[in-house]
PDB file of all heavy atoms in Angstrom:
ATOM      1  N   MET A   1     119.293  -5.915 213.373  1.00  0.00           N
ATOM      2  CA  MET A   1     119.954  -4.599 213.363  1.00  0.00           C
ATOM      3  C   MET A   1     120.881  -4.443 214.549  1.00  0.00           C
ATOM      4  O   MET A   1     120.548  -4.835 215.664  1.00  0.00           O
ATOM      5  CB  MET A   1     118.902  -3.487 213.427  1.00  0.00           C
ATOM      6  CG  MET A   1     118.050  -3.359 212.206  1.00  0.00           C
ATOM      7  SD  MET A   1     116.730  -2.139 212.475  1.00  0.00           S
ATOM      8  CE  MET A   1     115.427  -3.166 213.162  1.00  0.00           C
ATOM      9  N   SER A   2     122.049  -3.853 214.275  1.00  0.00           N
ATOM     10  CA  SER A   2     123.031  -3.629 215.326  1.00  0.00           C
ATOM     11  C   SER A   2     123.338  -2.138 215.416  1.00  0.00           C
ATOM     12  O   SER A   2     123.376  -1.444 214.405  1.00  0.00           O
ATOM     13  CB  SER A   2     124.312  -4.404 214.970  1.00  0.00           C
ATOM     14  OG  SER A   2     125.367  -4.018 215.807  1.00  0.00           O
ATOM     15  N   ALA A   3     123.549  -1.656 216.652  1.00  0.00           N
ATOM     16  CA  ALA A   3     123.984  -0.264 216.865  1.00  0.00           C
ATOM     17  C   ALA A   3     124.906  -0.235 218.076  1.00  0.00           C
ATOM     18  O   ALA A   3     124.641  -0.899 219.071  1.00  0.00           O
ATOM     19  CB  ALA A   3     122.786   0.649 217.113  1.00  0.00           C
ATOM     20  N   LEU A   4     125.985   0.498 217.962  1.00  0.00           N
ATOM     21  CA  LEU A   4     126.901   0.597 219.101  1.00  0.00           C
ATOM     22  C   LEU A   4     126.885   1.994 219.712  1.00  0.00           C
ATOM     23  O   LEU A   4     127.499   2.245 220.734  1.00  0.00           O
ATOM     24  CB  LEU A   4     128.328   0.209 218.678  1.00  0.00           C
ATOM     25  CG  LEU A   4     129.143  -0.451 219.781  1.00  0.00           C
ATOM     26  CD1 LEU A   4     128.632  -1.853 220.063  1.00  0.00           C
ATOM     27  CD2 LEU A   4     130.612  -0.515 219.432  1.00  0.00           C
ATOM     28  N   LEU A   5     126.178   2.910 219.058  1.00  0.00           N
ATOM     29  CA  LEU A   5     126.124   4.294 219.551  1.00  0.00           C
ATOM     30  C   LEU A   5     124.699   4.647 219.953  1.00  0.00           C
ATOM     31  O   LEU A   5     123.749   4.310 219.232  1.00  0.00           O
ATOM     32  CB  LEU A   5     126.578   5.259 218.441  1.00  0.00           C
ATOM     33  CG  LEU A   5     127.922   4.966 217.779  1.00  0.00           C
ATOM     34  CD1 LEU A   5     128.108   5.838 216.557  1.00  0.00           C
ATOM     35  CD2 LEU A   5     129.058   5.224 218.768  1.00  0.00           C
ATOM     36  N   THR A   6     124.565   5.349 221.077  1.00  0.00           N
ATOM     37  CA  THR A   6     123.211   5.758 221.505  1.00  0.00           C
ATOM     38  C   THR A   6     122.591   6.684 220.461  1.00  0.00           C
ATOM     39  O   THR A   6     121.375   6.688 220.278  1.00  0.00           O
ATOM     40  CB  THR A   6     123.273   6.498 222.860  1.00  0.00           C
ATOM     41  OG1 THR A   6     124.303   7.480 222.775  1.00  0.00           O
ATOM     42  CG2 THR A   6     123.575   5.553 223.985  1.00  0.00           C
ATOM     43  N   THR A   7     123.441   7.430 219.748  1.00  0.00           N
ATOM     44  CA  THR A   7     122.927   8.389 218.756  1.00  0.00           C
ATOM     45  C   THR A   7     122.336   7.705 217.528  1.00  0.00           C
ATOM     46  O   THR A   7     121.558   8.321 216.797  1.00  0.00           O
ATOM     47  CB  THR A   7     124.067   9.328 218.290  1.00  0.00           C
ATOM     48  OG1 THR A   7     125.194   8.514 217.931  1.00  0.00           O
ATOM     49  CG2 THR A   7     124.474  10.288 219.373  1.00  0.00           C
ATOM     50  N   THR A   8     122.702   6.444 217.292  1.00  0.00           N
ATOM     51  CA  THR A   8     122.186   5.775 216.081  1.00  0.00           C
ATOM     52  C   THR A   8     121.045   4.805 216.396  1.00  0.00           C
ATOM     53  O   THR A   8     120.433   4.254 215.485  1.00  0.00           O
ATOM     54  CB  THR A   8     123.310   5.002 215.350  1.00  0.00           C
ATOM     55  OG1 THR A   8     123.876   4.034 216.245  1.00  0.00           O
ATOM     56  CG2 THR A   8     124.394   5.935 214.870  1.00  0.00           C
ATOM     57  N   MET A   9     120.756   4.611 217.680  1.00  0.00           N
ATOM     58  CA  MET A   9     119.716   3.650 218.057  1.00  0.00           C
ATOM     59  C   MET A   9     118.349   3.958 217.438  1.00  0.00           C
ATOM     60  O   MET A   9     117.603   3.055 217.081  1.00  0.00           O
ATOM     61  CB  MET A   9     119.560   3.596 219.580  1.00  0.00           C
ATOM     62  CG  MET A   9     120.602   2.752 220.269  1.00  0.00           C
ATOM     63  SD  MET A   9     120.631   3.062 222.054  1.00  0.00           S
ATOM     64  CE  MET A   9     118.994   2.598 222.567  1.00  0.00           C
ATOM     65  N   MET A  10     118.047   5.254 217.289  1.00  0.00           N
ATOM     66  CA  MET A  10     116.732   5.619 216.758  1.00  0.00           C
ATOM     67  C   MET A  10     116.546   5.184 215.300  1.00  0.00           C
ATOM     68  O   MET A  10     115.435   5.124 214.800  1.00  0.00           O
ATOM     69  CB  MET A  10     116.479   7.126 216.889  1.00  0.00           C
ATOM     70  CG  MET A  10     116.262   7.583 218.330  1.00  0.00           C
ATOM     71  SD  MET A  10     115.139   6.526 219.290  1.00  0.00           S
ATOM     72  CE  MET A  10     113.562   7.034 218.630  1.00  0.00           C
ATOM     73  N   GLN A  11     117.668   4.869 214.636  1.00  0.00           N
ATOM     74  CA  GLN A  11     117.568   4.347 213.268  1.00  0.00           C
ATOM     75  C   GLN A  11     116.859   2.986 213.257  1.00  0.00           C
ATOM     76  O   GLN A  11     116.273   2.585 212.259  1.00  0.00           O
ATOM     77  CB  GLN A  11     118.971   4.227 212.637  1.00  0.00           C
ATOM     78  CG  GLN A  11     119.581   5.556 212.234  1.00  0.00           C
ATOM     79  CD  GLN A  11     118.779   6.260 211.151  1.00  0.00           C
ATOM     80  OE1 GLN A  11     118.261   5.630 210.225  1.00  0.00           O
ATOM     81  NE2 GLN A  11     118.642   7.573 211.258  1.00  0.00           N
ATOM     82  N   MET A  12     116.949   2.277 214.380  1.00  0.00           N
ATOM     83  CA  MET A  12     116.255   0.992 214.492  1.00  0.00           C
ATOM     84  C   MET A  12     114.747   1.227 214.449  1.00  0.00           C
ATOM     85  O   MET A  12     114.001   0.498 213.800  1.00  0.00           O
ATOM     86  CB  MET A  12     116.648   0.290 215.804  1.00  0.00           C
ATOM     87  CG  MET A  12     118.098  -0.147 215.827  1.00  0.00           C
ATOM     88  SD  MET A  12     118.580  -0.792 217.441  1.00  0.00           S
ATOM     89  CE  MET A  12     120.075  -1.701 216.985  1.00  0.00           C
ATOM     90  N   LYS A  13     114.328   2.272 215.141  1.00  0.00           N
ATOM     91  CA  LYS A  13     112.901   2.643 215.147  1.00  0.00           C
ATOM     92  C   LYS A  13     112.459   3.009 213.724  1.00  0.00           C
ATOM     93  O   LYS A  13     111.388   2.621 213.272  1.00  0.00           O
ATOM     94  CB  LYS A  13     112.692   3.830 216.093  1.00  0.00           C
ATOM     95  CG  LYS A  13     111.235   4.267 216.256  1.00  0.00           C
ATOM     96  CD  LYS A  13     111.122   5.314 217.366  1.00  0.00           C
ATOM     97  CE  LYS A  13     109.683   5.584 217.737  1.00  0.00           C
ATOM     98  NZ  LYS A  13     109.080   6.686 216.991  1.00  0.00           N
ATOM     99  N   ALA A  14     113.354   3.721 213.016  1.00  0.00           N
ATOM    100  CA  ALA A  14     113.035   4.129 211.638  1.00  0.00           C
ATOM    101  C   ALA A  14     112.820   2.897 210.748  1.00  0.00           C
ATOM    102  O   ALA A  14     111.931   2.879 209.889  1.00  0.00           O
ATOM    103  CB  ALA A  14     114.170   4.991 211.074  1.00  0.00           C
ATOM    104  N   THR A  15     113.607   1.849 210.987  1.00  0.00           N
ATOM    105  CA  THR A  15     113.467   0.628 210.176  1.00  0.00           C
ATOM    106  C   THR A  15     112.158  -0.083 210.495  1.00  0.00           C
ATOM    107  O   THR A  15     111.452  -0.551 209.588  1.00  0.00           O
ATOM    108  CB  THR A  15     114.667  -0.315 210.406  1.00  0.00           C
ATOM    109  OG1 THR A  15     115.876   0.390 210.103  1.00  0.00           O
ATOM    110  CG2 THR A  15     114.590  -1.547 209.528  1.00  0.00           C
ATOM    111  N   VAL A  16     111.820  -0.160 211.785  1.00  0.00           N
ATOM    112  CA  VAL A  16     110.545  -0.788 212.183  1.00  0.00           C
ATOM    113  C   VAL A  16     109.380  -0.024 211.545  1.00  0.00           C
ATOM    114  O   VAL A  16     108.433  -0.625 211.022  1.00  0.00           O
ATOM    115  CB  VAL A  16     110.412  -0.844 213.731  1.00  0.00           C
ATOM    116  CG1 VAL A  16     109.032  -1.345 214.138  1.00  0.00           C
ATOM    117  CG2 VAL A  16     111.486  -1.742 214.338  1.00  0.00           C
ATOM    118  N   GLU A  17     109.478   1.301 211.551  1.00  0.00           N
ATOM    119  CA  GLU A  17     108.413   2.129 210.958  1.00  0.00           C
ATOM    120  C   GLU A  17     108.349   1.952 209.438  1.00  0.00           C
ATOM    121  O   GLU A  17     107.268   1.920 208.847  1.00  0.00           O
ATOM    122  CB  GLU A  17     108.625   3.606 211.319  1.00  0.00           C
ATOM    123  CG  GLU A  17     108.269   3.895 212.777  1.00  0.00           C
ATOM    124  CD  GLU A  17     108.717   5.281 213.246  1.00  0.00           C
ATOM    125  OE1 GLU A  17     109.434   5.972 212.484  1.00  0.00           O
ATOM    126  OE2 GLU A  17     108.358   5.651 214.381  1.00  0.00           O
ATOM    127  N   ALA A  18     109.528   1.821 208.813  1.00  0.00           N
ATOM    128  CA  ALA A  18     109.578   1.620 207.355  1.00  0.00           C
ATOM    129  C   ALA A  18     108.965   0.266 206.976  1.00  0.00           C
ATOM    130  O   ALA A  18     108.297   0.140 205.946  1.00  0.00           O
ATOM    131  CB  ALA A  18     111.020   1.709 206.852  1.00  0.00           C
ATOM    132  N   LEU A  19     109.173  -0.734 207.829  1.00  0.00           N
ATOM    133  CA  LEU A  19     108.561  -2.065 207.612  1.00  0.00           C
ATOM    134  C   LEU A  19     107.043  -1.949 207.672  1.00  0.00           C
ATOM    135  O   LEU A  19     106.330  -2.525 206.858  1.00  0.00           O
ATOM    136  CB  LEU A  19     109.023  -3.040 208.696  1.00  0.00           C
ATOM    137  CG  LEU A  19     110.161  -4.005 208.405  1.00  0.00           C
ATOM    138  CD1 LEU A  19     110.358  -4.921 209.599  1.00  0.00           C
ATOM    139  CD2 LEU A  19     109.940  -4.838 207.155  1.00  0.00           C
ATOM    140  N   GLN A  20     106.582  -1.187 208.664  1.00  0.00           N
ATOM    141  CA  GLN A  20     105.135  -0.971 208.847  1.00  0.00           C
ATOM    142  C   GLN A  20     104.545  -0.300 207.606  1.00  0.00           C
ATOM    143  O   GLN A  20     103.533  -0.734 207.069  1.00  0.00           O
ATOM    144  CB  GLN A  20     104.936  -0.074 210.079  1.00  0.00           C
ATOM    145  CG  GLN A  20     103.489   0.277 210.353  1.00  0.00           C
ATOM    146  CD  GLN A  20     102.882  -0.624 211.414  1.00  0.00           C
ATOM    147  OE1 GLN A  20     103.483  -0.890 212.427  1.00  0.00           O
ATOM    148  NE2 GLN A  20     101.673  -1.110 211.152  1.00  0.00           N
ATOM    149  N   ALA A  21     105.262   0.742 207.140  1.00  0.00           N
ATOM    150  CA  ALA A  21     104.793   1.497 205.976  1.00  0.00           C
ATOM    151  C   ALA A  21     104.751   0.620 204.726  1.00  0.00           C
ATOM    152  O   ALA A  21     103.902   0.806 203.842  1.00  0.00           O
ATOM    153  CB  ALA A  21     105.696   2.709 205.745  1.00  0.00           C
ATOM    154  N   ALA A  22     105.671  -0.348 204.662  1.00  0.00           N
ATOM    155  CA  ALA A  22     105.734  -1.233 203.486  1.00  0.00           C
ATOM    156  C   ALA A  22     104.751  -2.401 203.596  1.00  0.00           C
ATOM    157  O   ALA A  22     104.662  -3.236 202.702  1.00  0.00           O
ATOM    158  CB  ALA A  22     107.157  -1.758 203.327  1.00  0.00           C
ATOM    159  N   GLY A  23     104.023  -2.432 204.723  1.00  0.00           N
ATOM    160  CA  GLY A  23     103.052  -3.505 204.920  1.00  0.00           C
ATOM    161  C   GLY A  23     103.695  -4.847 205.253  1.00  0.00           C
ATOM    162  O   GLY A  23     103.106  -5.906 205.062  1.00  0.00           O
ATOM    163  N   LEU A  24     104.932  -4.797 205.762  1.00  0.00           N
ATOM    164  CA  LEU A  24     105.658  -6.042 206.043  1.00  0.00           C
ATOM    165  C   LEU A  24     105.792  -6.341 207.540  1.00  0.00           C
ATOM    166  O   LEU A  24     106.298  -7.393 207.906  1.00  0.00           O
ATOM    167  CB  LEU A  24     107.079  -5.978 205.429  1.00  0.00           C
ATOM    168  CG  LEU A  24     107.150  -5.996 203.900  1.00  0.00           C
ATOM    169  CD1 LEU A  24     108.573  -5.760 203.436  1.00  0.00           C
ATOM    170  CD2 LEU A  24     106.636  -7.313 203.344  1.00  0.00           C
ATOM    171  N   LYS A  25     105.369  -5.394 208.381  1.00  0.00           N
ATOM    172  CA  LYS A  25     105.508  -5.636 209.818  1.00  0.00           C
ATOM    173  C   LYS A  25     104.660  -6.842 210.218  1.00  0.00           C
ATOM    174  O   LYS A  25     103.525  -6.962 209.830  1.00  0.00           O
ATOM    175  CB  LYS A  25     105.094  -4.398 210.621  1.00  0.00           C
ATOM    176  CG  LYS A  25     105.417  -4.545 212.103  1.00  0.00           C
ATOM    177  CD  LYS A  25     105.638  -3.204 212.751  1.00  0.00           C
ATOM    178  CE  LYS A  25     105.871  -3.238 214.240  1.00  0.00           C
ATOM    179  NZ  LYS A  25     106.236  -4.451 214.881  1.00  0.00           N
ATOM    180  N   GLY A  26     105.278  -7.754 210.951  1.00  0.00           N
ATOM    181  CA  GLY A  26     104.573  -8.984 211.311  1.00  0.00           C
ATOM    182  C   GLY A  26     104.974 -10.121 210.389  1.00  0.00           C
ATOM    183  O   GLY A  26     105.215 -11.233 210.821  1.00  0.00           O
ATOM    184  N   LYS A  27     105.111  -9.799 209.090  1.00  0.00           N
ATOM    185  CA  LYS A  27     105.566 -10.834 208.132  1.00  0.00           C
ATOM    186  C   LYS A  27     107.082 -10.971 208.225  1.00  0.00           C
ATOM    187  O   LYS A  27     107.624 -12.059 208.099  1.00  0.00           O
ATOM    188  CB  LYS A  27     105.183 -10.431 206.700  1.00  0.00           C
ATOM    189  CG  LYS A  27     103.677 -10.396 206.468  1.00  0.00           C
ATOM    190  CD  LYS A  27     103.365  -9.945 205.048  1.00  0.00           C
ATOM    191  CE  LYS A  27     101.899  -9.558 204.911  1.00  0.00           C
ATOM    192  NZ  LYS A  27     101.663  -8.632 203.825  1.00  0.00           N
ATOM    193  N   VAL A  28     107.761  -9.836 208.383  1.00  0.00           N
ATOM    194  CA  VAL A  28     109.215  -9.847 208.559  1.00  0.00           C
ATOM    195  C   VAL A  28     109.489  -9.426 210.004  1.00  0.00           C
ATOM    196  O   VAL A  28     109.135  -8.325 210.419  1.00  0.00           O
ATOM    197  CB  VAL A  28     109.921  -8.875 207.579  1.00  0.00           C
ATOM    198  CG1 VAL A  28     111.424  -8.877 207.800  1.00  0.00           C
ATOM    199  CG2 VAL A  28     109.601  -9.251 206.136  1.00  0.00           C
ATOM    200  N   LYS A  29     110.087 -10.326 210.764  1.00  0.00           N
ATOM    201  CA  LYS A  29     110.354 -10.041 212.181  1.00  0.00           C
ATOM    202  C   LYS A  29     111.630  -9.219 212.340  1.00  0.00           C
ATOM    203  O   LYS A  29     112.538  -9.298 211.502  1.00  0.00           O
ATOM    204  CB  LYS A  29     110.512 -11.345 212.967  1.00  0.00           C
ATOM    205  CG  LYS A  29     109.319 -12.289 212.859  1.00  0.00           C
ATOM    206  CD  LYS A  29     108.119 -11.763 213.603  1.00  0.00           C
ATOM    207  CE  LYS A  29     106.988 -12.767 213.651  1.00  0.00           C
ATOM    208  NZ  LYS A  29     105.804 -12.259 214.302  1.00  0.00           N
ATOM    209  N   THR A  30     111.707  -8.450 213.426  1.00  0.00           N
ATOM    210  CA  THR A  30     112.896  -7.631 213.673  1.00  0.00           C
ATOM    211  C   THR A  30     113.535  -7.999 215.009  1.00  0.00           C
ATOM    212  O   THR A  30     112.844  -8.196 216.009  1.00  0.00           O
ATOM    213  CB  THR A  30     112.524  -6.130 213.706  1.00  0.00           C
ATOM    214  OG1 THR A  30     111.378  -5.949 214.556  1.00  0.00           O
ATOM    215  CG2 THR A  30     112.210  -5.601 212.319  1.00  0.00           C
ATOM    216  N   VAL A  31     114.872  -8.090 214.989  1.00  0.00           N
ATOM    217  CA  VAL A  31     115.611  -8.334 216.230  1.00  0.00           C
ATOM    218  C   VAL A  31     116.748  -7.317 216.288  1.00  0.00           C
ATOM    219  O   VAL A  31     117.365  -6.999 215.272  1.00  0.00           O
ATOM    220  CB  VAL A  31     116.128  -9.796 216.299  1.00  0.00           C
ATOM    221  CG1 VAL A  31     117.052 -10.119 215.146  1.00  0.00           C
ATOM    222  CG2 VAL A  31     116.840 -10.070 217.612  1.00  0.00           C
ATOM    223  N   ILE A  32     116.949  -6.744 217.483  1.00  0.00           N
ATOM    224  CA  ILE A  32     117.967  -5.693 217.606  1.00  0.00           C
ATOM    225  C   ILE A  32     118.955  -6.023 218.719  1.00  0.00           C
ATOM    226  O   ILE A  32     118.658  -6.793 219.628  1.00  0.00           O
ATOM    227  CB  ILE A  32     117.326  -4.301 217.862  1.00  0.00           C
ATOM    228  CG1 ILE A  32     116.571  -4.276 219.203  1.00  0.00           C
ATOM    229  CG2 ILE A  32     116.393  -3.916 216.710  1.00  0.00           C
ATOM    230  CD1 ILE A  32     116.054  -2.884 219.594  1.00  0.00           C
ATOM    231  N   GLY A  33     120.145  -5.435 218.607  1.00  0.00           N
ATOM    232  CA  GLY A  33     121.158  -5.653 219.631  1.00  0.00           C
ATOM    233  C   GLY A  33     122.287  -4.649 219.488  1.00  0.00           C
ATOM    234  O   GLY A  33     122.328  -3.861 218.542  1.00  0.00           O
ATOM    235  N   GLY A  34     123.215  -4.684 220.442  1.00  0.00           N
ATOM    236  CA  GLY A  34     124.335  -3.738 220.472  1.00  0.00           C
ATOM    237  C   GLY A  34     124.491  -3.209 221.878  1.00  0.00           C
ATOM    238  O   GLY A  34     123.541  -3.252 222.668  1.00  0.00           O
TER     239      GLY A  34
END
């Protein structure tokens, strides 16, 4: 995941949480930058 704005960074957290909810956290790794 990439973000160039401080206002959109929290969307990265939303994706990590969505992975957790889908039972995929740990199976699908996440890397972020920007």
